[in-house]
Amino acid sequence: MGGDGQCQKRPPRRMTRAVAIRTCSGAVAAALGALSTPAGRAAWLAARGDAASRAPVDMAAYMELFQRHAEIRRTVTKIPGGVRTVTESDAPELVAQLQAHVTTMYRNLDRGFEMRCMSATLPVLLRNANRYRRRITLTPHGVAVTETSNDGQVVKAIRGHAREVSGFVRDGMAAMMAGGMGGRK
């Protein structure tokens, strides 16, 4: 208030360019820091609810695996609560693709990414990712995977998915075209 009881207006405070840049930089750094954590990224993706929540797919890699399925061997062993699978090849480039594919799928699963596919069982596994245990071991010729759960429905999906993938290894693209990745029993 002025000496005569009147309010005096102050001119608005002006932000200098340097302060504006520091403020914006700090906000961007905080946002990026939050997004760099799995929980932060999952929350951001869930809030967006669009294609950004879907895992990127390297179709060329899938196509090569389908086309060269005869060079891949696979064993599936039923264990209590799930399966243990070993998928391998003697071709070094297929070994690298198998290892990259499985590790990427698990990473996407852990991050909550949606994965579109023609599998009848993978959507069940995606919805129940926190209800089963996954262990991957890279072998000199591919991957060994153990998946288990205490939930009967999830166990059924784990074993069904193992059959689907085995159908792909056995029949290649024909299994995919038949639907459900060749999940014959």
Protein backbone atom coordinates (compact mmCIF):
# COMPACT_ATOMS: atom_id res chain seq x y z
CA MET A 1 0.00 0.00 0.00
CA GLY A 2 1.12 3.47 -0.74
CA GLY A 3 1.26 6.31 1.79
CA ASP A 4 -2.25 7.40 0.80
CA GLY A 5 -3.83 3.93 1.47
CA GLN A 6 -4.00 3.00 -2.21
CA CYS A 7 -2.62 -0.33 -3.55
CA GLN A 8 0.26 0.08 -5.85
CA LYS A 9 0.55 -2.19 -8.84
CA ARG A 10 3.90 -3.68 -9.44
CA PRO A 11 4.94 -4.48 -12.96
CA PRO A 12 4.97 -8.24 -13.59
CA ARG A 13 8.29 -9.90 -12.99
CA ARG A 14 9.98 -10.89 -16.22
CA MET A 15 11.76 -14.21 -16.54
CA THR A 16 15.15 -14.02 -18.14
CA ARG A 17 15.95 -16.33 -21.00
CA ALA A 18 18.53 -18.19 -18.90
CA VAL A 19 15.99 -18.86 -16.12
CA ALA A 20 13.40 -20.04 -18.66
CA ILE A 21 15.89 -22.46 -20.23
CA ARG A 22 16.95 -23.83 -16.83
CA THR A 23 13.30 -24.28 -15.80
CA CYS A 24 12.36 -26.10 -19.00
CA SER A 25 15.51 -28.21 -18.92
CA GLY A 26 14.78 -29.25 -15.36
CA ALA A 27 11.22 -30.25 -16.23
CA VAL A 28 12.36 -32.25 -19.28
CA ALA A 29 15.09 -33.98 -17.27
CA ALA A 30 12.58 -34.93 -14.55
CA ALA A 31 10.13 -36.30 -17.11
CA LEU A 32 12.80 -38.30 -18.90
CA GLY A 33 14.08 -39.62 -15.60
CA ALA A 34 10.60 -40.83 -14.69
CA LEU A 35 10.13 -42.44 -18.10
CA SER A 36 13.45 -44.25 -17.87
CA THR A 37 12.15 -46.47 -15.07
CA PRO A 38 10.02 -49.50 -16.02
CA ALA A 39 7.18 -48.33 -13.78
CA GLY A 40 7.26 -44.81 -15.23
CA ARG A 41 7.28 -46.04 -18.80
CA ALA A 42 4.48 -48.55 -18.13
CA ALA A 43 2.35 -45.82 -16.57
CA TRP A 44 2.99 -43.48 -19.49
CA LEU A 45 2.15 -46.19 -22.01
CA ALA A 46 -1.01 -47.17 -20.15
CA ALA A 47 -2.11 -43.54 -20.03
CA ARG A 48 -1.60 -43.17 -23.78
CA GLY A 49 -3.54 -46.34 -24.61
CA ASP A 50 -2.52 -46.34 -28.24
CA ALA A 51 0.03 -47.89 -30.55
CA ALA A 52 2.88 -46.61 -28.38
CA SER A 53 2.09 -49.36 -25.87
CA ARG A 54 2.70 -52.06 -28.46
CA ALA A 55 6.05 -53.75 -28.80
CA PRO A 56 7.93 -53.03 -32.02
CA VAL A 57 8.10 -56.08 -34.25
CA ASP A 58 10.93 -57.00 -36.59
CA MET A 59 8.94 -58.88 -39.22
CA ALA A 60 12.07 -59.63 -41.29
CA ALA A 61 13.53 -61.57 -38.37
CA TYR A 62 10.27 -63.48 -37.89
CA MET A 63 10.10 -64.29 -41.59
CA GLU A 64 13.63 -65.67 -41.58
CA LEU A 65 12.81 -67.88 -38.59
CA PHE A 66 9.69 -69.14 -40.40
CA GLN A 67 11.56 -69.74 -43.66
CA ARG A 68 14.45 -71.55 -41.99
CA HIS A 69 12.39 -73.53 -39.47
CA ALA A 70 13.91 -76.83 -40.66
CA GLU A 71 17.27 -75.63 -39.29
CA ILE A 72 15.84 -75.22 -35.80
CA ARG A 73 15.33 -78.02 -33.27
CA ARG A 74 13.20 -77.88 -30.16
CA THR A 75 12.44 -80.05 -27.17
CA VAL A 76 9.67 -79.44 -24.66
CA THR A 77 9.65 -81.14 -21.27
CA LYS A 78 6.62 -80.93 -19.00
CA ILE A 79 7.63 -80.07 -15.46
CA PRO A 80 5.45 -79.42 -12.40
CA GLY A 81 3.58 -76.18 -13.07
CA GLY A 82 4.86 -75.60 -16.60
CA VAL A 83 7.53 -76.48 -19.13
CA ARG A 84 11.21 -76.40 -19.87
CA THR A 85 12.03 -75.82 -23.54
CA VAL A 86 15.28 -75.88 -25.45
CA THR A 87 15.28 -74.27 -28.90
CA GLU A 88 18.53 -74.38 -30.86
CA SER A 89 20.20 -74.30 -34.25
CA ASP A 90 23.63 -74.97 -35.69
CA ALA A 91 23.43 -71.84 -37.88
CA PRO A 92 25.10 -68.97 -35.97
CA GLU A 93 22.78 -66.31 -37.42
CA LEU A 94 19.72 -68.30 -36.33
CA VAL A 95 21.21 -68.78 -32.87
CA ALA A 96 21.55 -65.00 -32.59
CA GLN A 97 17.99 -64.47 -33.83
CA LEU A 98 16.53 -67.05 -31.44
CA GLN A 99 18.36 -65.50 -28.49
CA ALA A 100 17.36 -61.97 -29.50
CA HIS A 101 13.73 -62.97 -30.09
CA VAL A 102 13.22 -64.67 -26.73
CA THR A 103 15.06 -62.03 -24.70
CA THR A 104 13.13 -59.25 -26.47
CA MET A 105 9.80 -60.98 -25.91
CA TYR A 106 10.52 -61.34 -22.19
CA ARG A 107 11.75 -57.75 -21.92
CA ASN A 108 8.55 -56.54 -23.61
CA LEU A 109 6.47 -58.77 -21.34
CA ASP A 110 8.22 -57.34 -18.26
CA ARG A 111 7.60 -53.78 -19.50
CA GLY A 112 3.91 -54.42 -20.05
CA PHE A 113 4.03 -53.98 -23.82
CA GLU A 114 1.12 -55.34 -25.80
CA MET A 115 2.16 -57.85 -28.45
CA ARG A 116 -0.13 -58.59 -31.36
CA CYS A 117 0.04 -62.07 -32.77
CA MET A 118 -1.98 -64.98 -34.09
CA SER A 119 -1.40 -67.00 -30.93
CA ALA A 120 -4.32 -68.26 -28.88
CA THR A 121 -2.20 -68.52 -25.73
CA LEU A 122 0.14 -65.51 -25.80
CA PRO A 123 -2.62 -63.01 -24.87
CA VAL A 124 -3.38 -65.09 -21.75
CA LEU A 125 0.30 -65.06 -20.82
CA LEU A 126 0.51 -61.30 -21.41
CA ARG A 127 -2.49 -60.61 -19.17
CA ASN A 128 -1.00 -62.84 -16.47
CA ALA A 129 2.67 -61.88 -16.78
CA ASN A 130 2.94 -61.36 -13.02
CA ARG A 131 1.43 -64.79 -12.30
CA TYR A 132 4.17 -66.95 -13.74
CA ARG A 133 7.93 -67.29 -13.46
CA ARG A 134 10.22 -67.12 -16.48
CA ARG A 135 13.86 -68.08 -16.64
CA ILE A 136 15.90 -67.87 -19.83
CA THR A 137 19.34 -69.35 -20.28
CA LEU A 138 21.32 -68.58 -23.42
CA THR A 139 23.03 -71.73 -24.69
CA PRO A 140 25.84 -71.96 -27.24
CA HIS A 141 23.22 -72.95 -29.85
CA GLY A 142 20.10 -71.04 -28.74
CA VAL A 143 17.94 -70.74 -25.65
CA ALA A 144 16.65 -72.84 -22.77
CA VAL A 145 13.51 -71.50 -21.12
CA THR A 146 11.69 -72.55 -17.97
CA GLU A 147 8.18 -71.19 -17.34
CA THR A 148 6.12 -72.16 -14.31
CA SER A 149 3.04 -71.02 -12.39
CA ASN A 150 0.88 -72.09 -9.48
CA ASP A 151 -2.26 -71.01 -11.39
CA GLY A 152 -3.85 -73.86 -13.37
CA GLN A 153 -5.12 -71.58 -16.17
CA VAL A 154 -1.70 -70.01 -16.60
CA VAL A 155 -0.05 -73.45 -16.62
CA LYS A 156 -2.47 -74.46 -19.38
CA ALA A 157 -1.50 -71.33 -21.39
CA ILE A 158 2.24 -71.94 -20.80
CA ARG A 159 1.97 -75.49 -22.11
CA GLY A 160 -0.31 -74.44 -24.97
CA HIS A 161 2.16 -71.77 -26.05
CA ALA A 162 4.97 -74.32 -25.98
CA ARG A 163 2.89 -76.47 -28.37
CA GLU A 164 2.26 -73.47 -30.62
CA VAL A 165 5.95 -72.61 -30.88
CA SER A 166 6.79 -76.28 -31.48
CA GLY A 167 4.28 -76.22 -34.35
CA PHE A 168 6.12 -73.24 -35.83
CA VAL A 169 9.45 -75.05 -35.57
CA ARG A 170 7.95 -78.17 -37.12
CA ASP A 171 5.88 -76.55 -39.90
CA GLY A 172 7.23 -73.01 -40.39
CA MET A 173 5.00 -70.51 -42.19
CA ALA A 174 2.37 -73.18 -42.86
CA ALA A 175 1.77 -73.35 -39.10
CA MET A 176 1.26 -69.60 -38.91
CA MET A 177 -1.07 -69.57 -41.90
CA ALA A 178 -3.11 -72.40 -40.36
CA GLY A 179 -3.71 -70.09 -37.38
CA GLY A 180 -2.45 -70.26 -33.85
CA MET A 181 1.14 -70.96 -34.87
CA GLY A 182 0.41 -74.64 -35.58
CA GLY A 183 -0.72 -75.52 -32.09
CA ARG A 184 -1.54 -79.15 -32.93
CA LYS A 185 -1.45 -81.50 -29.99
